[in-house]
Amino acid sequence: MADIKVKLVKSLIGSKKDQIATAHALGLRKIGDESTQPNNPQTQGKVKKISHLIEVTEA
């Protein structure tokens, strides 16, 4: 499977605690942070949960 690049584009302020925890699990803490993650069902679930806060591209 290919990797995906996840970038935080909106602030976590005002988000629910579980969404903040999901962003931190993906390695995203501040706006502009990027991380490369494996494209698997676990990562896809995390991405779906905070899709309104991030941008996803193929790595």
Protein backbone atom coordinates (compact mmCIF):
# COMPACT_ATOMS: atom_id res chain seq x y z
CA MET A 1 0.00 0.00 0.00
CA ALA A 2 1.08 3.55 -0.69
CA ASP A 3 1.58 6.17 1.97
CA ILE A 4 -0.51 9.29 2.42
CA LYS A 5 0.62 12.72 3.56
CA VAL A 6 -1.65 14.41 6.11
CA LYS A 7 -1.45 18.17 6.79
CA LEU A 8 -3.28 20.09 9.52
CA VAL A 9 -4.87 23.17 7.91
CA LYS A 10 -7.36 24.29 10.57
CA SER A 11 -6.89 24.93 14.28
CA LEU A 12 -7.71 22.31 16.89
CA ILE A 13 -9.10 25.00 19.20
CA GLY A 14 -12.78 24.35 19.80
CA SER A 15 -12.59 20.76 18.56
CA LYS A 16 -13.85 17.84 20.61
CA LYS A 17 -11.32 16.06 22.80
CA ASP A 18 -11.48 12.88 20.75
CA GLN A 19 -10.74 14.84 17.56
CA ILE A 20 -7.75 16.51 19.20
CA ALA A 21 -6.50 13.11 20.36
CA THR A 22 -6.90 11.76 16.83
CA ALA A 23 -4.88 14.63 15.38
CA HIS A 24 -2.14 14.06 17.96
CA ALA A 25 -2.14 10.33 17.12
CA LEU A 26 -1.45 11.29 13.51
CA GLY A 27 1.43 13.51 14.67
CA LEU A 28 -0.38 16.81 14.03
CA ARG A 29 -0.17 19.43 16.76
CA LYS A 30 0.05 22.88 15.10
CA ILE A 31 -1.34 24.31 11.87
CA GLY A 32 0.99 23.40 9.02
CA ASP A 33 2.27 20.19 10.59
CA GLU A 34 2.58 17.30 8.14
CA SER A 35 3.07 13.60 8.66
CA THR A 36 3.32 10.58 6.40
CA GLN A 37 1.10 7.68 7.36
CA PRO A 38 0.51 4.21 5.87
CA ASN A 39 -2.67 3.98 3.82
CA ASN A 40 -4.52 1.32 5.81
CA PRO A 41 -8.03 1.03 7.33
CA GLN A 42 -6.89 2.35 10.72
CA THR A 43 -5.41 5.51 9.23
CA GLN A 44 -8.42 5.98 6.94
CA GLY A 45 -10.69 5.93 10.01
CA LYS A 46 -8.59 8.60 11.72
CA VAL A 47 -8.59 10.72 8.57
CA LYS A 48 -12.37 10.44 8.24
CA LYS A 49 -12.86 11.54 11.85
CA ILE A 50 -10.99 14.83 11.38
CA SER A 51 -11.43 15.32 7.62
CA HIS A 52 -12.71 18.88 8.15
CA LEU A 53 -9.39 19.88 9.76
CA ILE A 54 -6.86 18.29 7.41
CA GLU A 55 -5.72 17.93 3.79
CA VAL A 56 -4.70 14.52 2.49
CA THR A 57 -2.42 13.87 -0.48
CA GLU A 58 -0.62 10.83 -1.87
CA ALA A 59 2.97 10.62 -0.68
